[in-house]
């Protein structure tokens, strides 16, 4: 199924935002620079995400892991963890640079 223009724009914003969160941390990423990096209008990110937290959550969506299987199926869990880390371009490793209030709101 082909993506709509709106879906493609949203995916572009998320993709570039992931890079910016990784490079700059949570506080260093801003919508103005995001719009510049994507080539979109400054309003484009605001139309799709009401705030930076919502965008951050979209960036790490799918990165959450269910640790229930770790004890029961350690090999499967390890493979899932490695795949998740690879697919998310290191975003998980940058979580320590985020505002603690943001991290706790995601739990």
PDB file of N, CA and C in Angstrom:
ATOM      1  N   UNK A   1       0.839  -1.180   0.000  1.00  0.00           N
ATOM      2  CA  UNK A   1       0.000   0.000   0.000  1.00  0.00           C
ATOM      3  C   UNK A   1       0.886   1.246   0.000  1.00  0.00           C
ATOM      4  N   UNK A   2       0.589   2.176  -0.835  1.00  0.00           N
ATOM      5  CA  UNK A   2       1.369   3.394  -0.978  1.00  0.00           C
ATOM      6  C   UNK A   2       1.014   4.387   0.128  1.00  0.00           C
ATOM      7  N   UNK A   3       2.039   5.093   0.583  1.00  0.00           N
ATOM      8  CA  UNK A   3       1.818   6.095   1.619  1.00  0.00           C
ATOM      9  C   UNK A   3       1.239   7.371   1.009  1.00  0.00           C
ATOM     10  N   UNK A   4       0.418   8.052   1.790  1.00  0.00           N
ATOM     11  CA  UNK A   4      -0.080   9.348   1.360  1.00  0.00           C
ATOM     12  C   UNK A   4       1.022  10.383   1.560  1.00  0.00           C
ATOM     13  N   UNK A   5       0.834  11.550   0.984  1.00  0.00           N
ATOM     14  CA  UNK A   5       1.816  12.630   1.139  1.00  0.00           C
ATOM     15  C   UNK A   5       1.980  12.973   2.618  1.00  0.00           C
ATOM     16  N   UNK A   6       0.881  13.035   3.342  1.00  0.00           N
ATOM     17  CA  UNK A   6       0.933  13.356   4.769  1.00  0.00           C
ATOM     18  C   UNK A   6       1.743  12.317   5.550  1.00  0.00           C
ATOM     19  N   UNK A   7       1.555  11.045   5.210  1.00  0.00           N
ATOM     20  CA  UNK A   7       2.309   9.977   5.875  1.00  0.00           C
ATOM     21  C   UNK A   7       3.799  10.059   5.546  1.00  0.00           C
ATOM     22  N   UNK A   8       4.108  10.399   4.292  1.00  0.00           N
ATOM     23  CA  UNK A   8       5.518  10.544   3.896  1.00  0.00           C
ATOM     24  C   UNK A   8       6.175  11.714   4.623  1.00  0.00           C
ATOM     25  N   UNK A   9       5.463  12.814   4.751  1.00  0.00           N
ATOM     26  CA  UNK A   9       5.998  13.987   5.456  1.00  0.00           C
ATOM     27  C   UNK A   9       6.223  13.655   6.931  1.00  0.00           C
ATOM     28  N   UNK A  10       5.259  12.986   7.528  1.00  0.00           N
ATOM     29  CA  UNK A  10       5.392  12.598   8.937  1.00  0.00           C
ATOM     30  C   UNK A  10       6.591  11.660   9.127  1.00  0.00           C
ATOM     31  N   UNK A  11       6.752  10.700   8.232  1.00  0.00           N
ATOM     32  CA  UNK A  11       7.884   9.776   8.315  1.00  0.00           C
ATOM     33  C   UNK A  11       9.210  10.516   8.145  1.00  0.00           C
ATOM     34  N   UNK A  12       9.243  11.498   7.253  1.00  0.00           N
ATOM     35  CA  UNK A  12      10.448  12.315   7.051  1.00  0.00           C
ATOM     36  C   UNK A  12      10.786  13.090   8.321  1.00  0.00           C
ATOM     37  N   UNK A  13       9.775  13.678   8.934  1.00  0.00           N
ATOM     38  CA  UNK A  13       9.988  14.439  10.177  1.00  0.00           C
ATOM     39  C   UNK A  13      10.539  13.519  11.253  1.00  0.00           C
ATOM     40  N   UNK A  14       9.948  12.352  11.418  1.00  0.00           N
ATOM     41  CA  UNK A  14      10.405  11.409  12.449  1.00  0.00           C
ATOM     42  C   UNK A  14      11.832  10.956  12.160  1.00  0.00           C
ATOM     43  N   UNK A  15      12.123  10.649  10.919  1.00  0.00           N
ATOM     44  CA  UNK A  15      13.457  10.186  10.554  1.00  0.00           C
ATOM     45  C   UNK A  15      14.522  11.244  10.879  1.00  0.00           C
ATOM     46  N   UNK A  16      14.263  12.477  10.495  1.00  0.00           N
ATOM     47  CA  UNK A  16      15.235  13.548  10.749  1.00  0.00           C
ATOM     48  C   UNK A  16      15.296  13.883  12.238  1.00  0.00           C
ATOM     49  N   UNK A  17      14.150  13.831  12.921  1.00  0.00           N
ATOM     50  CA  UNK A  17      14.130  14.121  14.353  1.00  0.00           C
ATOM     51  C   UNK A  17      14.950  13.090  15.128  1.00  0.00           C
ATOM     52  N   UNK A  18      14.883  11.821  14.724  1.00  0.00           N
ATOM     53  CA  UNK A  18      15.698  10.787  15.378  1.00  0.00           C
ATOM     54  C   UNK A  18      17.172  11.162  15.311  1.00  0.00           C
ATOM     55  N   UNK A  19      17.614  11.567  14.120  1.00  0.00           N
ATOM     56  CA  UNK A  19      19.015  11.956  13.957  1.00  0.00           C
ATOM     57  C   UNK A  19      19.361  13.133  14.856  1.00  0.00           C
ATOM     58  N   UNK A  20      18.465  14.099  14.905  1.00  0.00           N
ATOM     59  CA  UNK A  20      18.732  15.295  15.710  1.00  0.00           C
ATOM     60  C   UNK A  20      18.737  14.980  17.201  1.00  0.00           C
ATOM     61  N   UNK A  21      17.819  14.126  17.648  1.00  0.00           N
ATOM     62  CA  UNK A  21      17.819  13.735  19.062  1.00  0.00           C
ATOM     63  C   UNK A  21      19.128  13.019  19.403  1.00  0.00           C
ATOM     64  N   UNK A  22      19.596  12.181  18.506  1.00  0.00           N
ATOM     65  CA  UNK A  22      20.838  11.449  18.738  1.00  0.00           C
ATOM     66  C   UNK A  22      22.018  12.412  18.789  1.00  0.00           C
ATOM     67  N   UNK A  23      22.089  13.316  17.839  1.00  0.00           N
ATOM     68  CA  UNK A  23      23.227  14.231  17.751  1.00  0.00           C
ATOM     69  C   UNK A  23      23.203  15.321  18.811  1.00  0.00           C
ATOM     70  N   UNK A  24      22.010  15.821  19.143  1.00  0.00           N
ATOM     71  CA  UNK A  24      21.902  17.004  20.003  1.00  0.00           C
ATOM     72  C   UNK A  24      21.315  16.745  21.380  1.00  0.00           C
ATOM     73  N   UNK A  25      20.717  15.571  21.562  1.00  0.00           N
ATOM     74  CA  UNK A  25      20.005  15.318  22.806  1.00  0.00           C
ATOM     75  C   UNK A  25      18.612  15.928  22.751  1.00  0.00           C
ATOM     76  N   UNK A  26      17.828  15.664  23.768  1.00  0.00           N
ATOM     77  CA  UNK A  26      16.436  16.123  23.796  1.00  0.00           C
ATOM     78  C   UNK A  26      16.343  17.644  23.753  1.00  0.00           C
ATOM     79  N   UNK A  27      17.110  18.315  24.593  1.00  0.00           N
ATOM     80  CA  UNK A  27      17.010  19.771  24.687  1.00  0.00           C
ATOM     81  C   UNK A  27      17.614  20.484  23.480  1.00  0.00           C
ATOM     82  N   UNK A  28      18.525  19.842  22.780  1.00  0.00           N
ATOM     83  CA  UNK A  28      19.174  20.469  21.638  1.00  0.00           C
ATOM     84  C   UNK A  28      18.375  20.413  20.346  1.00  0.00           C
ATOM     85  N   UNK A  29      17.377  19.534  20.291  1.00  0.00           N
ATOM     86  CA  UNK A  29      16.549  19.412  19.097  1.00  0.00           C
ATOM     87  C   UNK A  29      15.443  20.460  19.168  1.00  0.00           C
ATOM     88  N   UNK A  30      15.233  21.186  18.071  1.00  0.00           N
ATOM     89  CA  UNK A  30      14.131  22.149  18.050  1.00  0.00           C
ATOM     90  C   UNK A  30      13.422  22.099  16.700  1.00  0.00           C
ATOM     91  N   UNK A  31      12.175  22.518  16.704  1.00  0.00           N
ATOM     92  CA  UNK A  31      11.342  22.432  15.505  1.00  0.00           C
ATOM     93  C   UNK A  31      11.859  23.319  14.371  1.00  0.00           C
ATOM     94  N   UNK A  32      12.420  24.476  14.692  1.00  0.00           N
ATOM     95  CA  UNK A  32      12.924  25.375  13.651  1.00  0.00           C
ATOM     96  C   UNK A  32      14.025  24.688  12.840  1.00  0.00           C
ATOM     97  N   UNK A  33      15.008  24.097  13.546  1.00  0.00           N
ATOM     98  CA  UNK A  33      16.087  23.395  12.854  1.00  0.00           C
ATOM     99  C   UNK A  33      15.578  22.139  12.153  1.00  0.00           C
ATOM    100  N   UNK A  34      14.597  21.485  12.758  1.00  0.00           N
ATOM    101  CA  UNK A  34      14.011  20.293  12.142  1.00  0.00           C
ATOM    102  C   UNK A  34      13.388  20.644  10.799  1.00  0.00           C
ATOM    103  N   UNK A  35      12.650  21.743  10.760  1.00  0.00           N
ATOM    104  CA  UNK A  35      12.029  22.186   9.503  1.00  0.00           C
ATOM    105  C   UNK A  35      13.106  22.498   8.462  1.00  0.00           C
ATOM    106  N   UNK A  36      14.163  23.150   8.899  1.00  0.00           N
ATOM    107  CA  UNK A  36      15.262  23.494   7.979  1.00  0.00           C
ATOM    108  C   UNK A  36      15.917  22.229   7.424  1.00  0.00           C
ATOM    109  N   UNK A  37      16.179  21.249   8.287  1.00  0.00           N
ATOM    110  CA  UNK A  37      16.841  20.003   7.862  1.00  0.00           C
ATOM    111  C   UNK A  37      15.971  19.165   6.923  1.00  0.00           C
ATOM    112  N   UNK A  38      14.669  19.227   7.094  1.00  0.00           N
ATOM    113  CA  UNK A  38      13.766  18.440   6.247  1.00  0.00           C
ATOM    114  C   UNK A  38      13.371  19.175   4.980  1.00  0.00           C
ATOM    115  N   UNK A  39      13.610  20.496   4.949  1.00  0.00           N
ATOM    116  CA  UNK A  39      13.199  21.288   3.795  1.00  0.00           C
ATOM    117  C   UNK A  39      11.718  21.609   3.807  1.00  0.00           C
ATOM    118  N   UNK A  40      11.079  21.392   4.944  1.00  0.00           N
ATOM    119  CA  UNK A  40       9.650  21.668   5.078  1.00  0.00           C
ATOM    120  C   UNK A  40       9.442  23.056   5.665  1.00  0.00           C
ATOM    121  N   UNK A  41       8.213  23.504   5.635  1.00  0.00           N
ATOM    122  CA  UNK A  41       7.899  24.797   6.241  1.00  0.00           C
ATOM    123  C   UNK A  41       8.061  24.684   7.756  1.00  0.00           C
ATOM    124  N   UNK A  42       8.355  25.799   8.420  1.00  0.00           N
ATOM    125  CA  UNK A  42       8.497  25.758   9.884  1.00  0.00           C
ATOM    126  C   UNK A  42       7.243  25.259  10.597  1.00  0.00           C
ATOM    127  N   UNK A  43       6.096  25.385   9.970  1.00  0.00           N
ATOM    128  CA  UNK A  43       4.845  24.942  10.598  1.00  0.00           C
ATOM    129  C   UNK A  43       4.614  23.436  10.462  1.00  0.00           C
ATOM    130  N   UNK A  44       5.288  22.789   9.521  1.00  0.00           N
ATOM    131  CA  UNK A  44       5.027  21.365   9.238  1.00  0.00           C
ATOM    132  C   UNK A  44       5.160  20.463  10.467  1.00  0.00           C
ATOM    133  N   UNK A  45       6.238  20.566  11.253  1.00  0.00           N
ATOM    134  CA  UNK A  45       6.317  19.696  12.433  1.00  0.00           C
ATOM    135  C   UNK A  45       5.189  19.959  13.444  1.00  0.00           C
ATOM    136  N   UNK A  46       4.814  21.234  13.592  1.00  0.00           N
ATOM    137  CA  UNK A  46       3.748  21.583  14.543  1.00  0.00           C
ATOM    138  C   UNK A  46       2.400  21.012  14.126  1.00  0.00           C
ATOM    139  N   UNK A  47       2.169  20.900  12.822  1.00  0.00           N
ATOM    140  CA  UNK A  47       0.891  20.366  12.349  1.00  0.00           C
ATOM    141  C   UNK A  47       0.761  18.866  12.624  1.00  0.00           C
ATOM    142  N   UNK A  48       1.882  18.196  12.797  1.00  0.00           N
ATOM    143  CA  UNK A  48       1.845  16.744  12.983  1.00  0.00           C
ATOM    144  C   UNK A  48       2.114  16.294  14.414  1.00  0.00           C
ATOM    145  N   UNK A  49       2.820  17.130  15.183  1.00  0.00           N
ATOM    146  CA  UNK A  49       3.161  16.803  16.578  1.00  0.00           C
ATOM    147  C   UNK A  49       2.930  18.036  17.428  1.00  0.00           C
ATOM    148  N   UNK A  50       2.107  17.892  18.459  1.00  0.00           N
ATOM    149  CA  UNK A  50       1.743  19.079  19.234  1.00  0.00           C
ATOM    150  C   UNK A  50       2.907  19.649  20.042  1.00  0.00           C
ATOM    151  N   UNK A  51       3.905  18.823  20.335  1.00  0.00           N
ATOM    152  CA  UNK A  51       5.065  19.312  21.087  1.00  0.00           C
ATOM    153  C   UNK A  51       6.241  18.346  20.907  1.00  0.00           C
ATOM    154  N   UNK A  52       7.358  18.730  21.465  1.00  0.00           N
ATOM    155  CA  UNK A  52       8.576  17.935  21.303  1.00  0.00           C
ATOM    156  C   UNK A  52       8.439  16.564  21.958  1.00  0.00           C
ATOM    157  N   UNK A  53       7.756  16.479  23.073  1.00  0.00           N
ATOM    158  CA  UNK A  53       7.574  15.190  23.744  1.00  0.00           C
ATOM    159  C   UNK A  53       6.813  14.220  22.851  1.00  0.00           C
ATOM    160  N   UNK A  54       5.755  14.692  22.217  1.00  0.00           N
ATOM    161  CA  UNK A  54       4.987  13.821  21.322  1.00  0.00           C
ATOM    162  C   UNK A  54       5.855  13.341  20.154  1.00  0.00           C
ATOM    163  N   UNK A  55       6.684  14.222  19.624  1.00  0.00           N
ATOM    164  CA  UNK A  55       7.595  13.835  18.544  1.00  0.00           C
ATOM    165  C   UNK A  55       8.628  12.836  19.049  1.00  0.00           C
ATOM    166  N   UNK A  56       9.173  13.076  20.225  1.00  0.00           N
ATOM    167  CA  UNK A  56      10.149  12.157  20.806  1.00  0.00           C
ATOM    168  C   UNK A  56       9.534  10.773  20.991  1.00  0.00           C
ATOM    169  N   UNK A  57       8.313  10.728  21.494  1.00  0.00           N
ATOM    170  CA  UNK A  57       7.623   9.449  21.680  1.00  0.00           C
ATOM    171  C   UNK A  57       7.441   8.737  20.340  1.00  0.00           C
ATOM    172  N   UNK A  58       7.133   9.487  19.292  1.00  0.00           N
ATOM    173  CA  UNK A  58       6.995   8.878  17.958  1.00  0.00           C
ATOM    174  C   UNK A  58       8.332   8.325  17.478  1.00  0.00           C
ATOM    175  N   UNK A  59       9.410   9.006  17.837  1.00  0.00           N
ATOM    176  CA  UNK A  59      10.742   8.556  17.423  1.00  0.00           C
ATOM    177  C   UNK A  59      11.139   7.253  18.107  1.00  0.00           C
ATOM    178  N   UNK A  60      10.708   7.066  19.333  1.00  0.00           N
ATOM    179  CA  UNK A  60      11.103   5.845  20.029  1.00  0.00           C
ATOM    180  C   UNK A  60      10.005   4.791  20.023  1.00  0.00           C
ATOM    181  N   UNK A  61       8.882   5.086  19.369  1.00  0.00           N
ATOM    182  CA  UNK A  61       7.825   4.085  19.249  1.00  0.00           C
ATOM    183  C   UNK A  61       8.407   2.868  18.548  1.00  0.00           C
ATOM    184  N   UNK A  62       8.182   1.719  19.101  1.00  0.00           N
ATOM    185  CA  UNK A  62       8.754   0.500  18.546  1.00  0.00           C
ATOM    186  C   UNK A  62      10.076   0.146  19.188  1.00  0.00           C
ATOM    187  N   UNK A  63      10.658   1.117  19.906  1.00  0.00           N
ATOM    188  CA  UNK A  63      11.920   0.842  20.580  1.00  0.00           C
ATOM    189  C   UNK A  63      11.680   0.231  21.958  1.00  0.00           C
ATOM    190  N   UNK A  64      10.439   0.350  22.428  1.00  0.00           N
ATOM    191  CA  UNK A  64      10.138  -0.225  23.726  1.00  0.00           C
ATOM    192  C   UNK A  64      10.218  -1.742  23.626  1.00  0.00           C
ATOM    193  N   UNK A  65      10.739  -2.345  24.637  1.00  0.00           N
ATOM    194  CA  UNK A  65      10.874  -3.799  24.655  1.00  0.00           C
ATOM    195  C   UNK A  65      10.048  -4.386  25.775  1.00  0.00           C
ATOM    196  N   UNK A  66       9.534  -5.548  25.535  1.00  0.00           N
ATOM    197  CA  UNK A  66       8.869  -6.286  26.591  1.00  0.00           C
ATOM    198  C   UNK A  66       9.904  -7.220  27.192  1.00  0.00           C
ATOM    199  N   UNK A  67      10.257  -6.964  28.442  1.00  0.00           N
ATOM    200  CA  UNK A  67      11.313  -7.730  29.081  1.00  0.00           C
ATOM    201  C   UNK A  67      10.810  -9.031  29.712  1.00  0.00           C
ATOM    202  N   UNK A  68       9.521  -9.295  29.592  1.00  0.00           N
ATOM    203  CA  UNK A  68       8.963 -10.513  30.164  1.00  0.00           C
ATOM    204  C   UNK A  68       9.613 -11.772  29.599  1.00  0.00           C
ATOM    205  N   UNK A  69      10.000 -11.727  28.340  1.00  0.00           N
ATOM    206  CA  UNK A  69      10.544 -12.926  27.710  1.00  0.00           C
ATOM    207  C   UNK A  69      12.027 -13.130  28.034  1.00  0.00           C
ATOM    208  N   UNK A  70      12.683 -12.171  28.685  1.00  0.00           N
ATOM    209  CA  UNK A  70      14.129 -12.255  28.924  1.00  0.00           C
ATOM    210  C   UNK A  70      14.519 -13.498  29.717  1.00  0.00           C
ATOM    211  N   UNK A  71      13.800 -13.785  30.762  1.00  0.00           N
ATOM    212  CA  UNK A  71      14.150 -14.936  31.598  1.00  0.00           C
ATOM    213  C   UNK A  71      13.769 -16.254  30.930  1.00  0.00           C
ATOM    214  N   UNK A  72      12.629 -16.252  30.240  1.00  0.00           N
ATOM    215  CA  UNK A  72      12.132 -17.486  29.646  1.00  0.00           C
ATOM    216  C   UNK A  72      12.833 -17.843  28.335  1.00  0.00           C
ATOM    217  N   UNK A  73      13.144 -16.840  27.530  1.00  0.00           N
ATOM    218  CA  UNK A  73      13.746 -17.082  26.211  1.00  0.00           C
ATOM    219  C   UNK A  73      14.903 -16.102  25.993  1.00  0.00           C
ATOM    220  N   UNK A  74      16.025 -16.293  26.684  1.00  0.00           N
ATOM    221  CA  UNK A  74      17.113 -15.311  26.625  1.00  0.00           C
ATOM    222  C   UNK A  74      17.690 -15.096  25.227  1.00  0.00           C
ATOM    223  N   UNK A  75      17.804 -16.135  24.417  1.00  0.00           N
ATOM    224  CA  UNK A  75      18.361 -15.961  23.073  1.00  0.00           C
ATOM    225  C   UNK A  75      17.432 -15.108  22.219  1.00  0.00           C
ATOM    226  N   UNK A  76      16.155 -15.413  22.275  1.00  0.00           N
ATOM    227  CA  UNK A  76      15.169 -14.648  21.518  1.00  0.00           C
ATOM    228  C   UNK A  76      15.161 -13.192  21.980  1.00  0.00           C
ATOM    229  N   UNK A  77      15.246 -12.980  23.277  1.00  0.00           N
ATOM    230  CA  UNK A  77      15.269 -11.628  23.830  1.00  0.00           C
ATOM    231  C   UNK A  77      16.510 -10.871  23.353  1.00  0.00           C
ATOM    232  N   UNK A  78      17.658 -11.516  23.387  1.00  0.00           N
ATOM    233  CA  UNK A  78      18.902 -10.880  22.962  1.00  0.00           C
ATOM    234  C   UNK A  78      18.815 -10.465  21.501  1.00  0.00           C
ATOM    235  N   UNK A  79      18.263 -11.320  20.672  1.00  0.00           N
ATOM    236  CA  UNK A  79      18.118 -11.008  19.247  1.00  0.00           C
ATOM    237  C   UNK A  79      17.159  -9.833  19.049  1.00  0.00           C
ATOM    238  N   UNK A  80      16.070  -9.803  19.800  1.00  0.00           N
ATOM    239  CA  UNK A  80      15.118  -8.708  19.725  1.00  0.00           C
ATOM    240  C   UNK A  80      15.766  -7.401  20.169  1.00  0.00           C
ATOM    241  N   UNK A  81      16.540  -7.442  21.232  1.00  0.00           N
ATOM    242  CA  UNK A  81      17.222  -6.256  21.732  1.00  0.00           C
ATOM    243  C   UNK A  81      18.207  -5.724  20.691  1.00  0.00           C
ATOM    244  N   UNK A  82      19.006  -6.606  20.114  1.00  0.00           N
ATOM    245  CA  UNK A  82      19.972  -6.181  19.090  1.00  0.00           C
ATOM    246  C   UNK A  82      19.268  -5.566  17.881  1.00  0.00           C
ATOM    247  N   UNK A  83      18.188  -6.193  17.446  1.00  0.00           N
ATOM    248  CA  UNK A  83      17.432  -5.687  16.298  1.00  0.00           C
ATOM    249  C   UNK A  83      16.853  -4.309  16.605  1.00  0.00           C
ATOM    250  N   UNK A  84      16.308  -4.150  17.792  1.00  0.00           N
ATOM    251  CA  UNK A  84      15.716  -2.872  18.176  1.00  0.00           C
ATOM    252  C   UNK A  84      16.768  -1.773  18.226  1.00  0.00           C
ATOM    253  N   UNK A  85      17.925  -2.078  18.789  1.00  0.00           N
ATOM    254  CA  UNK A  85      18.998  -1.088  18.857  1.00  0.00           C
ATOM    255  C   UNK A  85      19.467  -0.684  17.468  1.00  0.00           C
ATOM    256  N   UNK A  86      19.574  -1.644  16.568  1.00  0.00           N
ATOM    257  CA  UNK A  86      20.004  -1.347  15.194  1.00  0.00           C
ATOM    258  C   UNK A  86      18.975  -0.510  14.450  1.00  0.00           C
ATOM    259  N   UNK A  87      17.715  -0.866  14.594  1.00  0.00           N
ATOM    260  CA  UNK A  87      16.651  -0.182  13.855  1.00  0.00           C
ATOM    261  C   UNK A  87      16.420   1.241  14.328  1.00  0.00           C
ATOM    262  N   UNK A  88      16.794   1.547  15.541  1.00  0.00           N
ATOM    263  CA  UNK A  88      16.510   2.868  16.091  1.00  0.00           C
ATOM    264  C   UNK A  88      17.723   3.783  16.075  1.00  0.00           C
ATOM    265  N   UNK A  89      18.720   3.430  15.311  1.00  0.00           N
ATOM    266  CA  UNK A  89      19.841   4.315  15.074  1.00  0.00           C
ATOM    267  C   UNK A  89      20.504   4.866  16.322  1.00  0.00           C
ATOM    268  N   UNK A  90      20.510   4.121  17.387  1.00  0.00           N
ATOM    269  CA  UNK A  90      21.195   4.562  18.591  1.00  0.00           C
ATOM    270  C   UNK A  90      20.376   5.454  19.506  1.00  0.00           C
ATOM    271  N   UNK A  91      19.108   5.675  19.168  1.00  0.00           N
ATOM    272  CA  UNK A  91      18.292   6.582  19.990  1.00  0.00           C
ATOM    273  C   UNK A  91      18.240   6.126  21.440  1.00  0.00           C
ATOM    274  N   UNK A  92      18.247   4.815  21.649  1.00  0.00           N
ATOM    275  CA  UNK A  92      18.172   4.299  23.008  1.00  0.00           C
ATOM    276  C   UNK A  92      19.393   4.710  23.812  1.00  0.00           C
ATOM    277  N   UNK A  93      20.554   4.718  23.170  1.00  0.00           N
ATOM    278  CA  UNK A  93      21.771   5.086  23.886  1.00  0.00           C
ATOM    279  C   UNK A  93      21.782   6.553  24.286  1.00  0.00           C
ATOM    280  N   UNK A  94      20.961   7.370  23.668  1.00  0.00           N
ATOM    281  CA  UNK A  94      20.921   8.795  23.971  1.00  0.00           C
ATOM    282  C   UNK A  94      19.864   9.143  25.020  1.00  0.00           C
ATOM    283  N   UNK A  95      19.088   8.165  25.452  1.00  0.00           N
ATOM    284  CA  UNK A  95      18.033   8.454  26.416  1.00  0.00           C
ATOM    285  C   UNK A  95      18.588   9.054  27.706  1.00  0.00           C
ATOM    286  N   UNK A  96      19.819   8.718  28.051  1.00  0.00           N
ATOM    287  CA  UNK A  96      20.402   9.238  29.281  1.00  0.00           C
ATOM    288  C   UNK A  96      20.614  10.747  29.218  1.00  0.00           C
ATOM    289  N   UNK A  97      20.611  11.325  28.027  1.00  0.00           N
ATOM    290  CA  UNK A  97      20.788  12.764  27.880  1.00  0.00           C
ATOM    291  C   UNK A  97      19.467  13.524  27.973  1.00  0.00           C
ATOM    292  N   UNK A  98      18.384  12.792  28.084  1.00  0.00           N
ATOM    293  CA  UNK A  98      17.069  13.416  28.102  1.00  0.00           C
ATOM    294  C   UNK A  98      16.731  13.933  29.486  1.00  0.00           C
ATOM    295  N   UNK A  99      15.798  14.832  29.499  1.00  0.00           N
ATOM    296  CA  UNK A  99      15.264  15.363  30.735  1.00  0.00           C
ATOM    297  C   UNK A  99      14.643  14.204  31.514  1.00  0.00           C
ATOM    298  N   UNK A 100      15.011  14.017  32.788  1.00  0.00           N
ATOM    299  CA  UNK A 100      14.447  12.909  33.571  1.00  0.00           C
ATOM    300  C   UNK A 100      12.930  12.909  33.632  1.00  0.00           C
ATOM    301  N   UNK A 101      12.320  14.092  33.639  1.00  0.00           N
ATOM    302  CA  UNK A 101      10.860  14.147  33.664  1.00  0.00           C
ATOM    303  C   UNK A 101      10.265  13.537  32.394  1.00  0.00           C
ATOM    304  N   UNK A 102      10.935  13.735  31.286  1.00  0.00           N
ATOM    305  CA  UNK A 102      10.474  13.163  30.023  1.00  0.00           C
ATOM    306  C   UNK A 102      10.574  11.643  30.096  1.00  0.00           C
ATOM    307  N   UNK A 103      11.710  11.155  30.575  1.00  0.00           N
ATOM    308  CA  UNK A 103      11.888   9.708  30.658  1.00  0.00           C
ATOM    309  C   UNK A 103      10.842   9.071  31.569  1.00  0.00           C
ATOM    310  N   UNK A 104      10.584   9.679  32.711  1.00  0.00           N
ATOM    311  CA  UNK A 104       9.598   9.107  33.626  1.00  0.00           C
ATOM    312  C   UNK A 104       8.194   9.167  33.044  1.00  0.00           C
ATOM    313  N   UNK A 105       7.919  10.155  32.220  1.00  0.00           N
ATOM    314  CA  UNK A 105       6.589  10.226  31.619  1.00  0.00           C
ATOM    315  C   UNK A 105       6.381   9.129  30.580  1.00  0.00           C
ATOM    316  N   UNK A 106       7.485   8.568  30.073  1.00  0.00           N
ATOM    317  CA  UNK A 106       7.379   7.510  29.072  1.00  0.00           C
ATOM    318  C   UNK A 106       7.197   6.140  29.686  1.00  0.00           C
ATOM    319  N   UNK A 107       7.466   6.020  30.969  1.00  0.00           N
ATOM    320  CA  UNK A 107       7.400   4.716  31.646  1.00  0.00           C
ATOM    321  C   UNK A 107       5.973   4.393  31.997  1.00  0.00           C
TER     322      UNK A 107
END
